[in-house]
Amino acid sequence: MTQNPSAPVHHAVPVSLGDRSYDVVIGSGLLARAGETIAPLLTRPFAPIVTDETVAGLHLETLTRALEAEGIRTVPIVLPAGEATKSFHHLEQLLGALMDAGVERTDMIIALGGGVIGDLAGFAAAILRRGVDFIQIPTTLLAQVDSSVGGKTAIDVPQGKNLVGAFHQPRLVLADTGALKTLSDRELRAGYAEVAKYGLIDDADFFAWLETNGPALLAGDEALRAEAVMHSVAAKARVVAADEREGGQRALLNLGHTFGHALETAAGYSGDLLHGEAVAAGMGIAFDVSVRMGLCPAEDATRAKAHLRACSLPAGLADLEQRNSLTIPDTDEIVRLMGQDKKVSQGRITFILARGIGKSFICKDADIAAIADVLSERQAA
């Protein structure tokens, strides 16, 4: 990729997967320059853009102009915003629109938006004409640090979240950190949960950095945001390169997700509970369970949950129950929903637990009674 001296500073983090390797390019102003970055990847000057109604109003014109400046014809496909769009209904609608637009097997689809659009457009790309290429342009913090990297694509079904999907790596990820300025405070904080996750998994130093810098990051410090995105993406890229299809250590990236996905399913994938909020609550529960099982010092769990709450994120079921719009299911129902998790093997649920901050591990023999006790107590401490 060529750069001119006046171009904004940006950084490329490689995701090393042999002949399917790609870069995650991180920096401000990337949307306005996307045409010159994307053009060399196309077999013909055509690229449909999949986005949602909210993102279209904020960023579609900038991207379209950037592509058209390089002679690239675009067709925008605009879907409803929200987690409910990750459905068979909207997948069918999207596939039809892509075929009507004349997408060929050698073409490239652009996913412009947050995790919902990235997951849905990526899955459509994986199955359309038995697989076409796609580019991720994530516009939310959550998507930039997590869902746009690694090739997991999926839709939700009534039985659970992300249960129908495919591994399909993008050809490029353009993470324009300037787009984060357009996020609501709630969406930004929900995305921050996935940033905190990388510290809690295996990087205690990064978690300590977040304790110091997280408030300024959330308040709008662009340099800190870019640093957090780069650190998070580099951490995920290392894991994906070592374990692309989650046969082993990649499962650590699901810290908080087994609990969180169950809560999202119970909430009906509504705007009442954002993915990052569910993950934050799930991480707090995972630490509480780890303490209950004698695996983790209580002070580490207290510290982890205190940081989440300091960033206005829930750190357990008690925090969620304080929201009038949410009805939390009983313990038996949460356990049942966790039984639909993708990591279930031979009827046993795999949990990601912790021996301390930065010391998460894969647990295939978690004490279900301890988990039920923690869920029943709705711990707030």
Protein backbone atom coordinates (compact mmCIF):
# COMPACT_ATOMS: atom_id res chain seq x y z
CA MET A 1 0.00 0.00 0.00
CA THR A 2 1.46 3.35 -1.01
CA GLN A 3 1.35 6.38 1.24
CA ASN A 4 1.98 10.03 0.57
CA PRO A 5 3.65 12.32 3.12
CA SER A 6 0.38 14.05 3.97
CA ALA A 7 -1.48 10.81 4.68
CA PRO A 8 -2.59 10.23 8.29
CA VAL A 9 -0.37 7.93 10.33
CA HIS A 10 -1.62 4.40 10.45
CA HIS A 11 -0.32 0.99 11.45
CA ALA A 12 -0.78 -2.48 9.97
CA VAL A 13 -1.07 -5.54 12.19
CA PRO A 14 -0.60 -8.78 10.21
CA VAL A 15 -2.80 -11.81 10.73
CA SER A 16 -0.48 -14.61 9.61
CA LEU A 17 -2.41 -17.47 8.00
CA GLY A 18 -0.18 -18.53 5.12
CA ASP A 19 -1.68 -17.70 1.74
CA ARG A 20 -4.79 -16.34 3.51
CA SER A 21 -2.86 -13.78 5.55
CA TYR A 22 -4.13 -10.22 5.69
CA ASP A 23 -3.49 -6.93 7.42
CA VAL A 24 -5.57 -5.07 9.97
CA VAL A 25 -4.83 -1.44 9.17
CA ILE A 26 -5.48 0.89 12.12
CA GLY A 27 -5.59 4.68 12.13
CA SER A 28 -7.75 7.76 11.71
CA GLY A 29 -8.96 8.88 8.28
CA LEU A 30 -8.82 5.46 6.63
CA LEU A 31 -12.41 5.63 5.35
CA ALA A 32 -11.69 8.67 3.21
CA ARG A 33 -8.69 6.90 1.66
CA ALA A 34 -10.26 3.45 1.35
CA GLY A 35 -10.46 3.54 -2.44
CA GLU A 36 -6.72 3.57 -3.02
CA THR A 37 -6.27 0.82 -0.42
CA ILE A 38 -8.99 -1.44 -1.79
CA ALA A 39 -8.54 -0.94 -5.55
CA PRO A 40 -5.46 -3.22 -5.87
CA LEU A 41 -7.41 -6.10 -4.31
CA LEU A 42 -10.27 -6.05 -6.83
CA THR A 43 -10.47 -8.14 -9.99
CA ARG A 44 -12.77 -5.53 -11.52
CA PRO A 45 -13.79 -2.00 -10.42
CA PHE A 46 -16.90 -3.07 -8.54
CA ALA A 47 -17.58 -3.59 -4.84
CA PRO A 48 -21.01 -3.76 -3.15
CA ILE A 49 -21.19 -2.24 0.33
CA VAL A 50 -23.23 -3.97 3.05
CA THR A 51 -24.13 -1.68 5.93
CA ASP A 52 -26.98 -0.77 8.26
CA GLU A 53 -29.28 2.24 8.46
CA THR A 54 -27.37 3.91 11.28
CA VAL A 55 -23.91 3.49 9.79
CA ALA A 56 -25.15 4.44 6.32
CA GLY A 57 -26.16 7.85 7.62
CA LEU A 58 -22.74 8.38 9.17
CA HIS A 59 -20.14 6.81 6.89
CA LEU A 60 -21.59 5.47 3.63
CA GLU A 61 -21.10 8.68 1.65
CA THR A 62 -17.45 8.97 2.73
CA LEU A 63 -16.71 5.40 1.67
CA THR A 64 -18.65 5.66 -1.58
CA ARG A 65 -16.78 8.81 -2.57
CA ALA A 66 -13.44 7.21 -1.75
CA LEU A 67 -14.22 4.21 -3.94
CA GLU A 68 -15.66 6.23 -6.80
CA ALA A 69 -12.54 8.43 -6.79
CA GLU A 70 -10.64 5.29 -7.82
CA GLY A 71 -13.22 4.38 -10.47
CA ILE A 72 -14.84 1.67 -8.36
CA ARG A 73 -18.58 1.24 -8.86
CA THR A 74 -20.53 0.57 -5.70
CA VAL A 75 -23.97 -0.79 -4.82
CA PRO A 76 -25.09 -0.02 -1.26
CA ILE A 77 -27.17 -2.66 0.53
CA VAL A 78 -28.64 -1.10 3.67
CA LEU A 79 -30.11 -3.33 6.37
CA PRO A 80 -31.84 -2.54 9.68
CA ALA A 81 -29.54 -1.80 12.61
CA GLY A 82 -29.41 -4.10 15.62
CA GLU A 83 -28.57 -7.65 16.67
CA ALA A 84 -31.91 -8.94 15.35
CA THR A 85 -30.58 -8.41 11.81
CA LYS A 86 -28.27 -11.41 12.28
CA SER A 87 -31.07 -13.77 11.21
CA PHE A 88 -31.96 -16.21 8.44
CA HIS A 89 -34.49 -13.68 7.17
CA HIS A 90 -31.95 -10.92 6.66
CA LEU A 91 -29.31 -13.37 5.42
CA GLU A 92 -31.71 -14.44 2.66
CA GLN A 93 -32.51 -10.80 1.92
CA LEU A 94 -28.81 -9.94 1.72
CA LEU A 95 -27.93 -12.88 -0.51
CA GLY A 96 -30.72 -11.94 -2.89
CA ALA A 97 -29.56 -8.33 -3.04
CA LEU A 98 -25.98 -9.40 -3.72
CA MET A 99 -27.04 -11.69 -6.55
CA ASP A 100 -29.32 -8.99 -7.98
CA ALA A 101 -26.33 -6.64 -7.93
CA GLY A 102 -24.44 -9.08 -10.14
CA VAL A 103 -21.81 -10.22 -7.66
CA GLU A 104 -19.49 -12.76 -9.27
CA ARG A 105 -17.33 -15.35 -7.58
CA THR A 106 -14.17 -13.26 -8.03
CA ASP A 107 -15.72 -10.06 -6.64
CA MET A 108 -15.22 -8.48 -3.22
CA ILE A 109 -17.95 -7.55 -0.72
CA ILE A 110 -17.35 -4.70 1.72
CA ALA A 111 -18.82 -4.94 5.23
CA LEU A 112 -19.19 -1.44 6.66
CA GLY A 113 -20.43 -1.38 10.24
CA GLY A 114 -20.23 -3.03 13.62
CA GLY A 115 -20.15 -6.68 14.60
CA VAL A 116 -23.65 -7.43 13.33
CA ILE A 117 -22.91 -6.30 9.79
CA GLY A 118 -19.45 -7.87 9.81
CA ASP A 119 -20.80 -11.23 10.97
CA LEU A 120 -23.76 -11.22 8.58
CA ALA A 121 -21.92 -9.94 5.50
CA GLY A 122 -19.01 -12.27 6.20
CA PHE A 123 -21.31 -15.28 6.43
CA ALA A 124 -23.06 -14.23 3.23
CA ALA A 125 -19.66 -13.97 1.54
CA ALA A 126 -18.71 -17.42 2.84
CA ILE A 127 -21.71 -19.12 1.23
CA LEU A 128 -22.51 -16.98 -1.83
CA ARG A 129 -21.39 -18.83 -4.95
CA ARG A 130 -19.52 -21.16 -2.58
CA GLY A 131 -17.38 -18.34 -1.29
CA VAL A 132 -16.47 -14.82 -2.35
CA ASP A 133 -13.94 -12.47 -0.78
CA PHE A 134 -14.85 -9.67 1.58
CA ILE A 135 -13.31 -6.72 3.36
CA GLN A 136 -14.13 -5.65 6.90
CA ILE A 137 -14.44 -1.92 7.65
CA PRO A 138 -15.47 -1.99 11.34
CA THR A 139 -16.96 1.23 12.69
CA THR A 140 -17.44 0.29 16.36
CA LEU A 141 -14.84 -0.31 19.04
CA LEU A 142 -16.12 -3.83 19.62
CA ALA A 143 -15.79 -4.71 15.94
CA GLN A 144 -12.39 -3.07 15.57
CA VAL A 145 -10.80 -4.97 18.46
CA ASP A 146 -12.61 -8.27 18.14
CA SER A 147 -15.29 -9.37 15.69
CA SER A 148 -13.71 -8.06 12.46
CA VAL A 149 -10.51 -10.05 13.06
CA GLY A 150 -10.22 -13.81 12.86
CA GLY A 151 -12.80 -14.93 10.32
CA LYS A 152 -15.68 -15.94 12.58
CA THR A 153 -18.94 -15.20 10.76
CA ALA A 154 -22.42 -16.19 11.86
CA ILE A 155 -26.07 -15.46 12.45
CA ASP A 156 -28.20 -15.99 15.54
CA VAL A 157 -31.06 -18.46 15.89
CA PRO A 158 -33.70 -18.85 18.63
CA GLN A 159 -31.62 -21.59 20.25
CA GLY A 160 -28.59 -19.35 20.72
CA LYS A 161 -26.17 -16.74 19.44
CA ASN A 162 -23.82 -17.37 16.51
CA LEU A 163 -24.84 -21.02 16.20
CA VAL A 164 -25.04 -20.96 12.38
CA GLY A 165 -21.96 -19.69 10.62
CA ALA A 166 -18.60 -20.38 9.03
CA PHE A 167 -14.93 -19.51 9.34
CA HIS A 168 -14.23 -17.14 6.46
CA GLN A 169 -11.24 -14.81 6.68
CA PRO A 170 -11.43 -11.30 5.22
CA ARG A 171 -8.87 -10.06 2.70
CA LEU A 172 -8.33 -6.82 4.60
CA VAL A 173 -9.56 -5.02 7.71
CA LEU A 174 -9.62 -1.20 7.76
CA ALA A 175 -10.15 0.02 11.33
CA ASP A 176 -10.68 3.77 11.11
CA THR A 177 -10.37 4.93 14.72
CA GLY A 178 -11.88 8.28 13.71
CA ALA A 179 -15.21 6.48 13.26
CA LEU A 180 -15.30 5.87 17.01
CA LYS A 181 -16.19 9.53 17.52
CA THR A 182 -19.65 8.82 16.07
CA LEU A 183 -20.49 6.11 18.64
CA SER A 184 -22.90 6.68 21.48
CA ASP A 185 -21.35 6.56 24.93
CA ARG A 186 -23.15 3.30 25.63
CA GLU A 187 -21.86 1.60 22.47
CA LEU A 188 -18.32 2.80 23.12
CA ARG A 189 -18.38 1.39 26.64
CA ALA A 190 -19.86 -1.90 25.41
CA GLY A 191 -16.95 -2.21 22.98
CA TYR A 192 -14.51 -1.44 25.78
CA ALA A 193 -15.55 -4.68 27.48
CA GLU A 194 -13.79 -6.58 24.69
CA VAL A 195 -10.68 -4.42 25.18
CA ALA A 196 -10.63 -5.20 28.91
CA LYS A 197 -11.01 -8.88 28.03
CA TYR A 198 -7.54 -9.01 26.48
CA GLY A 199 -6.00 -7.82 29.73
CA LEU A 200 -8.01 -10.24 31.83
CA ILE A 201 -7.13 -13.21 29.63
CA ASP A 202 -3.34 -13.15 29.67
CA ASP A 203 -1.93 -9.64 29.96
CA ALA A 204 -2.01 -8.23 33.47
CA ASP A 205 0.21 -5.32 32.43
CA PHE A 206 -2.30 -4.27 29.78
CA PHE A 207 -5.12 -4.50 32.29
CA ALA A 208 -3.15 -2.24 34.65
CA TRP A 209 -2.62 0.16 31.72
CA LEU A 210 -6.38 0.19 31.16
CA GLU A 211 -7.05 0.90 34.83
CA THR A 212 -4.91 4.02 34.42
CA ASN A 213 -5.92 5.07 30.90
CA GLY A 214 -9.39 3.60 30.38
CA PRO A 215 -11.32 6.65 31.60
CA ALA A 216 -9.41 9.02 29.29
CA LEU A 217 -9.76 6.55 26.42
CA LEU A 218 -13.52 6.47 26.90
CA ALA A 219 -13.65 10.25 27.29
CA GLY A 220 -12.23 10.70 23.79
CA ASP A 221 -8.42 10.56 23.82
CA GLU A 222 -7.70 9.44 20.24
CA ALA A 223 -4.10 8.40 20.85
CA LEU A 224 -5.12 6.15 23.73
CA ARG A 225 -7.95 4.68 21.67
CA ALA A 226 -5.58 3.86 18.81
CA GLU A 227 -3.08 2.30 21.23
CA ALA A 228 -5.80 0.15 22.80
CA VAL A 229 -7.08 -0.98 19.40
CA MET A 230 -3.57 -1.85 18.19
CA HIS A 231 -2.75 -3.79 21.34
CA SER A 232 -6.04 -5.70 21.25
CA VAL A 233 -5.80 -6.54 17.55
CA ALA A 234 -2.20 -7.71 17.92
CA ALA A 235 -3.25 -9.96 20.79
CA LYS A 236 -6.09 -11.47 18.79
CA ALA A 237 -3.95 -11.83 15.65
CA ARG A 238 -1.42 -13.92 17.58
CA VAL A 239 -4.12 -16.23 18.89
CA VAL A 240 -5.85 -16.59 15.50
CA ALA A 241 -2.55 -17.35 13.75
CA ALA A 242 -1.87 -20.15 16.25
CA ASP A 243 -5.40 -21.58 16.41
CA GLU A 244 -7.58 -20.38 13.55
CA ARG A 245 -10.56 -22.67 14.11
CA GLU A 246 -10.65 -22.67 17.89
CA GLY A 247 -9.29 -26.15 18.42
CA GLY A 248 -7.43 -25.04 21.52
CA GLN A 249 -6.20 -21.76 22.95
CA ARG A 250 -8.40 -19.52 20.80
CA ALA A 251 -11.25 -20.51 23.11
CA LEU A 252 -9.67 -18.20 25.71
CA LEU A 253 -11.03 -15.28 23.67
CA ASN A 254 -14.47 -16.39 24.87
CA LEU A 255 -13.88 -15.22 28.43
CA GLY A 256 -17.33 -14.10 29.63
CA HIS A 257 -19.01 -15.19 26.42
CA THR A 258 -20.60 -18.45 27.56
CA PHE A 259 -22.51 -16.58 30.25
CA GLY A 260 -22.94 -13.48 28.06
CA HIS A 261 -24.38 -15.30 25.06
CA ALA A 262 -26.93 -17.02 27.30
CA LEU A 263 -28.02 -13.63 28.60
CA GLU A 264 -28.27 -12.21 25.07
CA THR A 265 -30.40 -15.13 23.99
CA ALA A 266 -32.68 -14.64 26.99
CA ALA A 267 -32.98 -10.94 26.10
CA GLY A 268 -34.10 -11.88 22.58
CA TYR A 269 -31.10 -10.14 20.92
CA SER A 270 -32.74 -6.82 21.66
CA GLY A 271 -31.23 -3.41 22.23
CA ASP A 272 -31.98 -3.86 25.93
CA LEU A 273 -28.68 -5.73 26.25
CA LEU A 274 -25.69 -5.03 24.00
CA HIS A 275 -23.16 -7.76 23.29
CA GLY A 276 -20.35 -6.01 25.14
CA GLU A 277 -22.57 -5.44 28.16
CA ALA A 278 -23.44 -9.13 28.27
CA VAL A 279 -19.76 -10.07 27.94
CA ALA A 280 -18.80 -7.68 30.76
CA ALA A 281 -21.40 -9.25 33.04
CA GLY A 282 -20.20 -12.67 31.92
CA MET A 283 -16.59 -11.86 32.78
CA GLY A 284 -17.63 -10.76 36.25
CA ILE A 285 -19.54 -14.02 36.68
CA ALA A 286 -16.53 -16.03 35.43
CA PHE A 287 -14.32 -14.41 38.07
CA ASP A 288 -16.92 -15.00 40.79
CA VAL A 289 -17.18 -18.67 39.80
CA SER A 290 -13.38 -18.95 39.79
CA VAL A 291 -13.27 -17.58 43.34
CA ARG A 292 -16.06 -19.94 44.42
CA MET A 293 -14.11 -22.91 43.02
CA GLY A 294 -10.97 -21.86 44.91
CA LEU A 295 -9.09 -21.04 41.73
CA CYS A 296 -8.74 -17.26 41.92
CA PRO A 297 -7.87 -14.81 44.72
CA ALA A 298 -10.95 -12.86 45.75
CA GLU A 299 -9.04 -9.58 45.46
CA ASP A 300 -8.40 -10.21 41.75
CA ALA A 301 -12.09 -10.76 41.11
CA THR A 302 -12.92 -7.63 43.09
CA ARG A 303 -10.38 -5.62 41.09
CA ALA A 304 -11.61 -6.93 37.73
CA LYS A 305 -15.24 -6.15 38.54
CA ALA A 306 -14.38 -2.76 40.01
CA HIS A 307 -12.76 -1.68 36.74
CA LEU A 308 -15.75 -2.81 34.69
CA ARG A 309 -18.11 -0.91 36.96
CA ALA A 310 -15.84 2.15 36.92
CA CYS A 311 -16.33 2.13 33.14
CA SER A 312 -20.14 1.95 33.60
CA LEU A 313 -20.27 -1.69 32.58
CA PRO A 314 -22.16 -4.45 34.40
CA ALA A 315 -20.00 -6.94 36.26
CA GLY A 316 -22.67 -9.48 37.15
CA LEU A 317 -26.36 -10.30 37.20
CA ALA A 318 -27.13 -7.89 40.03
CA ASP A 319 -25.94 -5.00 37.89
CA LEU A 320 -28.15 -6.11 35.02
CA GLU A 321 -31.17 -6.56 37.27
CA GLN A 322 -31.00 -2.88 38.16
CA ARG A 323 -32.12 -2.08 34.62
CA ASN A 324 -35.88 -1.87 34.45
CA SER A 325 -35.93 -2.99 30.82
CA LEU A 326 -34.25 -6.33 31.55
CA THR A 327 -35.76 -9.47 33.00
CA ILE A 328 -33.02 -11.90 33.98
CA PRO A 329 -34.07 -15.57 33.72
CA ASP A 330 -33.70 -17.90 36.66
CA THR A 331 -30.60 -20.01 37.20
CA ASP A 332 -31.97 -23.17 35.56
CA GLU A 333 -32.84 -21.26 32.39
CA ILE A 334 -29.41 -19.61 32.18
CA VAL A 335 -27.74 -23.01 32.59
CA ARG A 336 -30.01 -24.47 29.92
CA LEU A 337 -29.14 -21.68 27.51
CA MET A 338 -25.44 -22.15 28.19
CA GLY A 339 -25.92 -25.75 27.13
CA GLN A 340 -26.43 -24.47 23.57
CA ASP A 341 -22.97 -22.88 23.57
CA LYS A 342 -20.74 -23.72 20.60
CA LYS A 343 -18.03 -25.02 22.94
CA VAL A 344 -20.22 -27.81 24.34
CA SER A 345 -18.49 -31.15 23.76
CA GLN A 346 -20.02 -34.52 24.61
CA GLY A 347 -22.69 -32.74 26.61
CA ARG A 348 -20.19 -30.83 28.76
CA ILE A 349 -19.94 -27.03 28.75
CA THR A 350 -16.46 -25.57 28.39
CA PHE A 351 -15.97 -22.46 30.51
CA ILE A 352 -13.19 -19.91 30.48
CA LEU A 353 -12.27 -19.29 34.10
CA ALA A 354 -9.37 -17.47 35.78
CA ARG A 355 -6.62 -18.07 38.31
CA GLY A 356 -6.20 -14.31 38.54
CA ILE A 357 -6.02 -11.22 36.36
CA GLY A 358 -4.15 -12.19 33.21
CA LYS A 359 -4.38 -15.87 34.10
CA SER A 360 -7.44 -17.22 32.32
CA PHE A 361 -7.67 -20.87 31.31
CA ILE A 362 -9.95 -23.35 29.58
CA CYS A 363 -11.95 -25.41 32.06
CA LYS A 364 -13.75 -28.52 30.84
CA ASP A 365 -14.75 -29.76 34.29
CA ALA A 366 -16.20 -26.68 35.97
CA ASP A 367 -18.27 -27.23 39.10
CA ILE A 368 -21.82 -26.71 37.85
CA ALA A 369 -23.05 -26.44 41.43
CA ALA A 370 -20.63 -23.55 42.04
CA ILE A 371 -21.81 -21.88 38.86
CA ALA A 372 -25.45 -22.31 39.87
CA ASP A 373 -24.72 -20.88 43.32
CA VAL A 374 -23.07 -17.77 41.87
CA LEU A 375 -25.93 -17.27 39.41
CA SER A 376 -28.53 -17.75 42.15
CA GLU A 377 -26.89 -15.27 44.50
CA ARG A 378 -26.88 -12.51 41.86
CA GLN A 379 -23.64 -11.33 43.41
CA ALA A 380 -23.15 -7.60 43.52
CA ALA A 381 -19.84 -7.51 45.43
